[in-house]
Amino acid sequence: MKDFAKILVPVDGSKKSFEALDRALTLAGFTHGEVTCIHVIPEVPEGGPRTKEMEKHLKEDGNIVLKKAARRAGKNTKFKARLVHGAPHTETIKIARNGKFDHIVMSTTGKGAADADMLGSVSNYVLHKSKIPVYLIK
């Protein structure tokens, strides 16, 4: 199971994204691997202004999500956390490629999901664009 040595997990703070993180932590425990957790602060929609106050709030929320993730990882897992800006789907692919990860573990739906039976737009994009295996948690 050497291929689970370096795992990327995007989290948005949803229950499902933390379930994906838990699965990644389990896999990393079997392989003594490393988990990198990312939270992406989404881009401003076209024509949508973002105030400094909104940006501050989004950053604070992202840091809270990553702190929860770090607590779940505990002290016995190699764990890193990153807060990034951009489009969640493209940032996940870019970070996976540039960080030379073995796998991406993510939930099929998150905060933006309309229906739990559907594949979310971010997970769908990542699944189809990733050059490395994607482990989806439904």
N, C-alpha and C. Protein backbone atom coordinates (compact mmCIF):
# COMPACT_ATOMS: atom_id res chain seq x y z
N MET A 1 0.82 -1.20 0.00
CA MET A 1 0.00 0.00 0.00
C MET A 1 0.86 1.26 0.00
N LYS A 2 2.00 1.17 -0.62
CA LYS A 2 2.89 2.32 -0.71
C LYS A 2 2.24 3.49 -1.43
N ASP A 3 1.24 3.20 -2.27
CA ASP A 3 0.63 4.28 -3.04
C ASP A 3 -0.26 5.20 -2.21
N PHE A 4 -0.44 4.93 -0.94
CA PHE A 4 -1.17 5.85 -0.06
C PHE A 4 -0.18 6.59 0.85
N ALA A 5 1.01 6.84 0.35
CA ALA A 5 2.04 7.51 1.14
C ALA A 5 1.79 9.01 1.26
N LYS A 6 1.13 9.59 0.27
CA LYS A 6 0.91 11.04 0.25
C LYS A 6 -0.49 11.31 -0.28
N ILE A 7 -1.39 11.71 0.63
CA ILE A 7 -2.81 11.84 0.31
C ILE A 7 -3.26 13.29 0.44
N LEU A 8 -4.01 13.75 -0.55
CA LEU A 8 -4.58 15.10 -0.54
C LEU A 8 -6.07 15.00 -0.23
N VAL A 9 -6.53 15.82 0.71
CA VAL A 9 -7.95 15.82 1.10
C VAL A 9 -8.49 17.25 1.11
N PRO A 10 -9.35 17.60 0.15
CA PRO A 10 -10.00 18.90 0.21
C PRO A 10 -11.19 18.83 1.18
N VAL A 11 -11.28 19.80 2.08
CA VAL A 11 -12.41 19.85 3.02
C VAL A 11 -13.08 21.22 2.93
N ASP A 12 -14.41 21.19 3.04
CA ASP A 12 -15.17 22.45 3.01
C ASP A 12 -15.89 22.71 4.33
N GLY A 13 -15.67 21.84 5.30
CA GLY A 13 -16.32 22.01 6.60
C GLY A 13 -17.58 21.18 6.75
N SER A 14 -18.03 20.54 5.67
CA SER A 14 -19.23 19.71 5.74
C SER A 14 -18.92 18.38 6.43
N LYS A 15 -19.97 17.76 6.93
CA LYS A 15 -19.83 16.45 7.59
C LYS A 15 -19.20 15.44 6.63
N LYS A 16 -19.63 15.43 5.40
CA LYS A 16 -19.10 14.48 4.41
C LYS A 16 -17.62 14.71 4.12
N SER A 17 -17.20 15.96 4.08
CA SER A 17 -15.78 16.21 3.81
C SER A 17 -14.92 15.72 4.98
N PHE A 18 -15.44 15.82 6.20
CA PHE A 18 -14.71 15.28 7.35
C PHE A 18 -14.72 13.76 7.36
N GLU A 19 -15.76 13.15 6.82
CA GLU A 19 -15.77 11.69 6.67
C GLU A 19 -14.67 11.26 5.70
N ALA A 20 -14.49 12.02 4.64
CA ALA A 20 -13.41 11.74 3.69
C ALA A 20 -12.06 11.89 4.38
N LEU A 21 -11.91 12.92 5.19
CA LEU A 21 -10.67 13.12 5.93
C LEU A 21 -10.41 11.93 6.86
N ASP A 22 -11.43 11.48 7.56
CA ASP A 22 -11.28 10.33 8.46
C ASP A 22 -10.79 9.10 7.70
N ARG A 23 -11.35 8.88 6.50
CA ARG A 23 -10.93 7.73 5.69
C ARG A 23 -9.48 7.88 5.26
N ALA A 24 -9.10 9.08 4.87
CA ALA A 24 -7.71 9.33 4.47
C ALA A 24 -6.76 9.11 5.64
N LEU A 25 -7.16 9.54 6.82
CA LEU A 25 -6.32 9.34 8.00
C LEU A 25 -6.15 7.86 8.31
N THR A 26 -7.21 7.09 8.12
CA THR A 26 -7.12 5.64 8.32
C THR A 26 -6.15 5.03 7.33
N LEU A 27 -6.29 5.38 6.06
CA LEU A 27 -5.39 4.86 5.03
C LEU A 27 -3.95 5.25 5.32
N ALA A 28 -3.74 6.49 5.72
CA ALA A 28 -2.38 6.95 6.03
C ALA A 28 -1.82 6.20 7.23
N GLY A 29 -2.68 5.83 8.16
CA GLY A 29 -2.23 5.06 9.32
C GLY A 29 -1.70 3.70 8.93
N PHE A 30 -2.31 3.07 7.93
CA PHE A 30 -1.86 1.76 7.46
C PHE A 30 -0.51 1.84 6.78
N THR A 31 -0.25 2.95 6.12
CA THR A 31 0.96 3.07 5.30
C THR A 31 2.01 4.00 5.91
N HIS A 32 1.72 4.55 7.08
CA HIS A 32 2.58 5.56 7.70
C HIS A 32 2.74 6.75 6.75
N GLY A 33 1.65 7.02 6.03
CA GLY A 33 1.65 8.09 5.03
C GLY A 33 1.37 9.45 5.63
N GLU A 34 1.32 10.41 4.73
CA GLU A 34 1.11 11.81 5.09
C GLU A 34 -0.19 12.29 4.46
N VAL A 35 -0.95 13.05 5.24
CA VAL A 35 -2.20 13.63 4.76
C VAL A 35 -2.04 15.15 4.70
N THR A 36 -2.36 15.71 3.56
CA THR A 36 -2.42 17.16 3.41
C THR A 36 -3.86 17.54 3.18
N CYS A 37 -4.36 18.39 4.02
CA CYS A 37 -5.74 18.84 3.97
C CYS A 37 -5.74 20.28 3.45
N ILE A 38 -6.63 20.53 2.47
CA ILE A 38 -6.74 21.88 1.94
C ILE A 38 -8.17 22.38 2.12
N HIS A 39 -8.28 23.67 2.34
CA HIS A 39 -9.57 24.35 2.32
C HIS A 39 -9.41 25.50 1.34
N VAL A 40 -10.30 25.54 0.36
CA VAL A 40 -10.21 26.55 -0.69
C VAL A 40 -11.24 27.65 -0.44
N ILE A 41 -10.74 28.87 -0.33
CA ILE A 41 -11.62 30.04 -0.28
C ILE A 41 -11.99 30.35 -1.73
N PRO A 42 -13.27 30.20 -2.07
CA PRO A 42 -13.66 30.33 -3.47
C PRO A 42 -13.46 31.73 -4.03
N GLU A 43 -13.28 31.75 -5.34
CA GLU A 43 -13.16 33.01 -6.05
C GLU A 43 -14.45 33.80 -5.94
N VAL A 44 -14.36 35.07 -6.18
CA VAL A 44 -15.54 35.93 -6.21
C VAL A 44 -16.29 35.65 -7.51
N PRO A 45 -17.60 35.38 -7.42
CA PRO A 45 -18.36 35.18 -8.66
C PRO A 45 -18.30 36.44 -9.52
N GLU A 46 -18.37 36.25 -10.81
CA GLU A 46 -18.31 37.38 -11.73
C GLU A 46 -19.34 38.43 -11.35
N GLY A 47 -18.88 39.66 -11.21
CA GLY A 47 -19.76 40.76 -10.88
C GLY A 47 -20.09 40.86 -9.40
N GLY A 48 -19.62 39.90 -8.62
CA GLY A 48 -19.92 39.89 -7.19
C GLY A 48 -18.79 40.51 -6.39
N PRO A 49 -19.06 41.60 -5.71
CA PRO A 49 -18.00 42.23 -4.93
C PRO A 49 -17.72 41.45 -3.65
N ARG A 50 -16.50 41.53 -3.18
CA ARG A 50 -16.14 40.92 -1.92
C ARG A 50 -15.45 41.99 -1.08
N THR A 51 -16.03 42.29 0.04
CA THR A 51 -15.46 43.30 0.91
C THR A 51 -14.33 42.71 1.74
N LYS A 52 -13.55 43.57 2.33
CA LYS A 52 -12.48 43.11 3.23
C LYS A 52 -13.06 42.33 4.40
N GLU A 53 -14.23 42.77 4.86
CA GLU A 53 -14.92 42.09 5.96
C GLU A 53 -15.31 40.67 5.56
N MET A 54 -15.84 40.50 4.35
CA MET A 54 -16.21 39.17 3.86
C MET A 54 -14.98 38.28 3.73
N GLU A 55 -13.92 38.85 3.17
CA GLU A 55 -12.68 38.09 2.99
C GLU A 55 -12.13 37.64 4.34
N LYS A 56 -12.16 38.53 5.32
CA LYS A 56 -11.70 38.20 6.67
C LYS A 56 -12.53 37.05 7.25
N HIS A 57 -13.84 37.12 7.08
CA HIS A 57 -14.74 36.09 7.58
C HIS A 57 -14.47 34.74 6.90
N LEU A 58 -14.29 34.74 5.59
CA LEU A 58 -14.01 33.50 4.86
C LEU A 58 -12.68 32.89 5.30
N LYS A 59 -11.69 33.73 5.53
CA LYS A 59 -10.39 33.24 5.99
C LYS A 59 -10.50 32.66 7.40
N GLU A 60 -11.23 33.33 8.28
CA GLU A 60 -11.43 32.83 9.64
C GLU A 60 -12.15 31.48 9.61
N ASP A 61 -13.20 31.38 8.80
CA ASP A 61 -13.94 30.12 8.67
C ASP A 61 -13.04 29.00 8.15
N GLY A 62 -12.23 29.32 7.16
CA GLY A 62 -11.30 28.33 6.61
C GLY A 62 -10.30 27.85 7.63
N ASN A 63 -9.79 28.77 8.43
CA ASN A 63 -8.84 28.38 9.48
C ASN A 63 -9.51 27.51 10.54
N ILE A 64 -10.77 27.79 10.85
CA ILE A 64 -11.50 26.95 11.80
C ILE A 64 -11.65 25.53 11.26
N VAL A 65 -12.00 25.41 9.99
CA VAL A 65 -12.14 24.10 9.35
C VAL A 65 -10.82 23.34 9.42
N LEU A 66 -9.73 24.01 9.11
CA LEU A 66 -8.43 23.34 9.11
C LEU A 66 -7.98 22.97 10.53
N LYS A 67 -8.33 23.77 11.52
CA LYS A 67 -8.02 23.42 12.92
C LYS A 67 -8.79 22.19 13.35
N LYS A 68 -10.06 22.09 12.94
CA LYS A 68 -10.85 20.88 13.23
C LYS A 68 -10.22 19.67 12.56
N ALA A 69 -9.76 19.85 11.36
CA ALA A 69 -9.11 18.75 10.63
C ALA A 69 -7.84 18.31 11.36
N ALA A 70 -7.06 19.26 11.82
CA ALA A 70 -5.81 18.93 12.53
C ALA A 70 -6.11 18.19 13.83
N ARG A 71 -7.16 18.58 14.52
CA ARG A 71 -7.55 17.87 15.75
C ARG A 71 -7.93 16.43 15.44
N ARG A 72 -8.62 16.22 14.33
CA ARG A 72 -9.01 14.87 13.94
C ARG A 72 -7.78 14.03 13.62
N ALA A 73 -6.78 14.66 13.04
CA ALA A 73 -5.55 13.94 12.68
C ALA A 73 -4.77 13.52 13.91
N GLY A 74 -4.84 14.32 14.96
CA GLY A 74 -4.10 13.99 16.17
C GLY A 74 -2.61 14.16 15.99
N LYS A 75 -1.88 13.60 16.90
CA LYS A 75 -0.42 13.76 16.90
C LYS A 75 0.32 12.60 16.25
N ASN A 76 -0.38 11.50 15.96
CA ASN A 76 0.29 10.30 15.45
C ASN A 76 0.29 10.20 13.93
N THR A 77 -0.30 11.18 13.27
CA THR A 77 -0.36 11.16 11.81
C THR A 77 0.45 12.33 11.26
N LYS A 78 1.20 12.07 10.20
CA LYS A 78 1.87 13.16 9.50
C LYS A 78 0.77 13.96 8.80
N PHE A 79 0.63 15.22 9.20
CA PHE A 79 -0.49 16.02 8.74
C PHE A 79 -0.05 17.44 8.42
N LYS A 80 -0.54 17.93 7.29
CA LYS A 80 -0.32 19.33 6.90
C LYS A 80 -1.66 19.92 6.53
N ALA A 81 -1.79 21.23 6.69
CA ALA A 81 -3.01 21.92 6.32
C ALA A 81 -2.66 23.18 5.55
N ARG A 82 -3.47 23.47 4.52
CA ARG A 82 -3.24 24.65 3.70
C ARG A 82 -4.55 25.35 3.40
N LEU A 83 -4.54 26.64 3.53
CA LEU A 83 -5.66 27.49 3.15
C LEU A 83 -5.27 28.15 1.84
N VAL A 84 -6.08 27.96 0.81
CA VAL A 84 -5.75 28.51 -0.51
C VAL A 84 -6.95 29.27 -1.07
N HIS A 85 -6.68 30.12 -2.04
CA HIS A 85 -7.73 30.90 -2.73
C HIS A 85 -7.85 30.38 -4.16
N GLY A 86 -9.07 30.38 -4.67
CA GLY A 86 -9.28 29.99 -6.05
C GLY A 86 -10.55 29.21 -6.23
N ALA A 87 -10.66 28.54 -7.34
CA ALA A 87 -11.79 27.67 -7.61
C ALA A 87 -11.48 26.31 -7.01
N PRO A 88 -12.34 25.78 -6.15
CA PRO A 88 -12.04 24.52 -5.46
C PRO A 88 -11.65 23.38 -6.40
N HIS A 89 -12.32 23.24 -7.51
CA HIS A 89 -12.02 22.13 -8.42
C HIS A 89 -10.64 22.27 -9.07
N THR A 90 -10.31 23.45 -9.56
CA THR A 90 -9.02 23.61 -10.22
C THR A 90 -7.86 23.66 -9.22
N GLU A 91 -8.10 24.24 -8.05
CA GLU A 91 -7.04 24.27 -7.03
C GLU A 91 -6.70 22.87 -6.55
N THR A 92 -7.72 22.02 -6.40
CA THR A 92 -7.47 20.64 -5.97
C THR A 92 -6.59 19.93 -6.98
N ILE A 93 -6.90 20.05 -8.25
CA ILE A 93 -6.10 19.41 -9.30
C ILE A 93 -4.69 19.98 -9.33
N LYS A 94 -4.58 21.29 -9.26
CA LYS A 94 -3.26 21.94 -9.31
C LYS A 94 -2.38 21.51 -8.13
N ILE A 95 -2.94 21.50 -6.95
CA ILE A 95 -2.16 21.13 -5.76
C ILE A 95 -1.78 19.65 -5.82
N ALA A 96 -2.71 18.81 -6.28
CA ALA A 96 -2.41 17.37 -6.41
C ALA A 96 -1.24 17.15 -7.35
N ARG A 97 -1.24 17.85 -8.46
CA ARG A 97 -0.18 17.70 -9.46
C ARG A 97 1.15 18.26 -8.94
N ASN A 98 1.13 19.47 -8.43
CA ASN A 98 2.36 20.11 -7.99
C ASN A 98 2.95 19.49 -6.74
N GLY A 99 2.10 18.90 -5.89
CA GLY A 99 2.58 18.29 -4.66
C GLY A 99 2.95 16.83 -4.80
N LYS A 100 2.77 16.29 -6.00
CA LYS A 100 3.11 14.89 -6.29
C LYS A 100 2.43 13.93 -5.31
N PHE A 101 1.12 14.08 -5.18
CA PHE A 101 0.34 13.22 -4.31
C PHE A 101 0.06 11.88 -4.98
N ASP A 102 -0.16 10.84 -4.16
CA ASP A 102 -0.49 9.51 -4.66
C ASP A 102 -1.98 9.36 -4.92
N HIS A 103 -2.80 9.97 -4.05
CA HIS A 103 -4.26 9.86 -4.11
C HIS A 103 -4.91 11.16 -3.65
N ILE A 104 -6.12 11.35 -4.15
CA ILE A 104 -7.00 12.39 -3.62
C ILE A 104 -8.16 11.64 -2.96
N VAL A 105 -8.47 11.99 -1.72
CA VAL A 105 -9.62 11.41 -1.04
C VAL A 105 -10.57 12.56 -0.75
N MET A 106 -11.80 12.45 -1.24
CA MET A 106 -12.75 13.55 -1.06
C MET A 106 -14.17 13.03 -1.04
N SER A 107 -15.07 13.86 -0.54
CA SER A 107 -16.48 13.49 -0.53
C SER A 107 -17.11 13.80 -1.88
N THR A 108 -18.20 13.09 -2.17
CA THR A 108 -18.89 13.33 -3.44
C THR A 108 -19.74 14.58 -3.36
N THR A 109 -20.15 14.96 -2.16
CA THR A 109 -20.95 16.16 -1.99
C THR A 109 -20.45 16.92 -0.78
N GLY A 110 -20.65 18.22 -0.80
CA GLY A 110 -20.22 19.04 0.32
C GLY A 110 -21.24 20.12 0.59
N LYS A 111 -20.77 21.26 1.01
CA LYS A 111 -21.67 22.35 1.38
C LYS A 111 -22.52 22.85 0.22
N GLY A 112 -22.00 22.77 -0.99
CA GLY A 112 -22.75 23.29 -2.13
C GLY A 112 -23.65 22.27 -2.78
N ALA A 113 -23.77 21.08 -2.22
CA ALA A 113 -24.53 20.01 -2.86
C ALA A 113 -26.03 20.21 -2.71
N ALA A 114 -26.74 19.99 -3.78
CA ALA A 114 -28.19 20.11 -3.75
C ALA A 114 -28.84 18.78 -3.40
N ASP A 115 -28.22 17.67 -3.79
CA ASP A 115 -28.81 16.35 -3.60
C ASP A 115 -27.72 15.36 -3.25
N ALA A 116 -27.91 14.62 -2.17
CA ALA A 116 -26.89 13.67 -1.70
C ALA A 116 -26.68 12.51 -2.67
N ASP A 117 -27.63 12.26 -3.58
CA ASP A 117 -27.48 11.17 -4.54
C ASP A 117 -26.71 11.58 -5.78
N MET A 118 -26.40 12.86 -5.91
CA MET A 118 -25.70 13.35 -7.09
C MET A 118 -24.21 13.49 -6.78
N LEU A 119 -23.41 13.35 -7.81
CA LEU A 119 -21.99 13.63 -7.69
C LEU A 119 -21.83 15.14 -7.76
N GLY A 120 -21.17 15.73 -6.77
CA GLY A 120 -20.99 17.18 -6.74
C GLY A 120 -20.15 17.66 -7.90
N SER A 121 -20.29 18.94 -8.24
CA SER A 121 -19.57 19.48 -9.38
C SER A 121 -18.06 19.48 -9.16
N VAL A 122 -17.61 19.72 -7.92
CA VAL A 122 -16.17 19.72 -7.64
C VAL A 122 -15.63 18.30 -7.75
N SER A 123 -16.29 17.35 -7.10
CA SER A 123 -15.80 15.97 -7.14
C SER A 123 -15.88 15.41 -8.56
N ASN A 124 -16.89 15.77 -9.31
CA ASN A 124 -17.01 15.31 -10.69
C ASN A 124 -15.85 15.83 -11.54
N TYR A 125 -15.53 17.10 -11.39
CA TYR A 125 -14.41 17.69 -12.12
C TYR A 125 -13.10 17.00 -11.74
N VAL A 126 -12.87 16.87 -10.44
CA VAL A 126 -11.62 16.26 -9.96
C VAL A 126 -11.50 14.82 -10.46
N LEU A 127 -12.59 14.07 -10.38
CA LEU A 127 -12.60 12.68 -10.83
C LEU A 127 -12.19 12.57 -12.30
N HIS A 128 -12.68 13.48 -13.12
CA HIS A 128 -12.41 13.40 -14.55
C HIS A 128 -11.09 14.05 -14.98
N LYS A 129 -10.57 14.98 -14.22
CA LYS A 129 -9.35 15.69 -14.61
C LYS A 129 -8.09 15.19 -13.91
N SER A 130 -8.24 14.45 -12.84
CA SER A 130 -7.08 14.01 -12.07
C SER A 130 -6.27 12.95 -12.82
N LYS A 131 -4.97 13.07 -12.71
CA LYS A 131 -4.06 12.07 -13.29
C LYS A 131 -3.72 10.99 -12.26
N ILE A 132 -4.14 11.19 -11.02
CA ILE A 132 -3.90 10.22 -9.96
C ILE A 132 -5.24 9.66 -9.49
N PRO A 133 -5.24 8.52 -8.80
CA PRO A 133 -6.50 7.95 -8.33
C PRO A 133 -7.24 8.89 -7.39
N VAL A 134 -8.56 8.89 -7.53
CA VAL A 134 -9.45 9.69 -6.67
C VAL A 134 -10.35 8.70 -5.92
N TYR A 135 -10.31 8.77 -4.62
CA TYR A 135 -11.09 7.92 -3.75
C TYR A 135 -12.25 8.77 -3.25
N LEU A 136 -13.47 8.44 -3.72
CA LEU A 136 -14.65 9.24 -3.38
C LEU A 136 -15.43 8.61 -2.23
N ILE A 137 -15.84 9.44 -1.29
CA ILE A 137 -16.64 9.01 -0.14
C ILE A 137 -18.04 9.55 -0.37
N LYS A 138 -19.01 8.63 -0.43
CA LYS A 138 -20.40 9.04 -0.65
C LYS A 138 -21.13 9.21 0.67
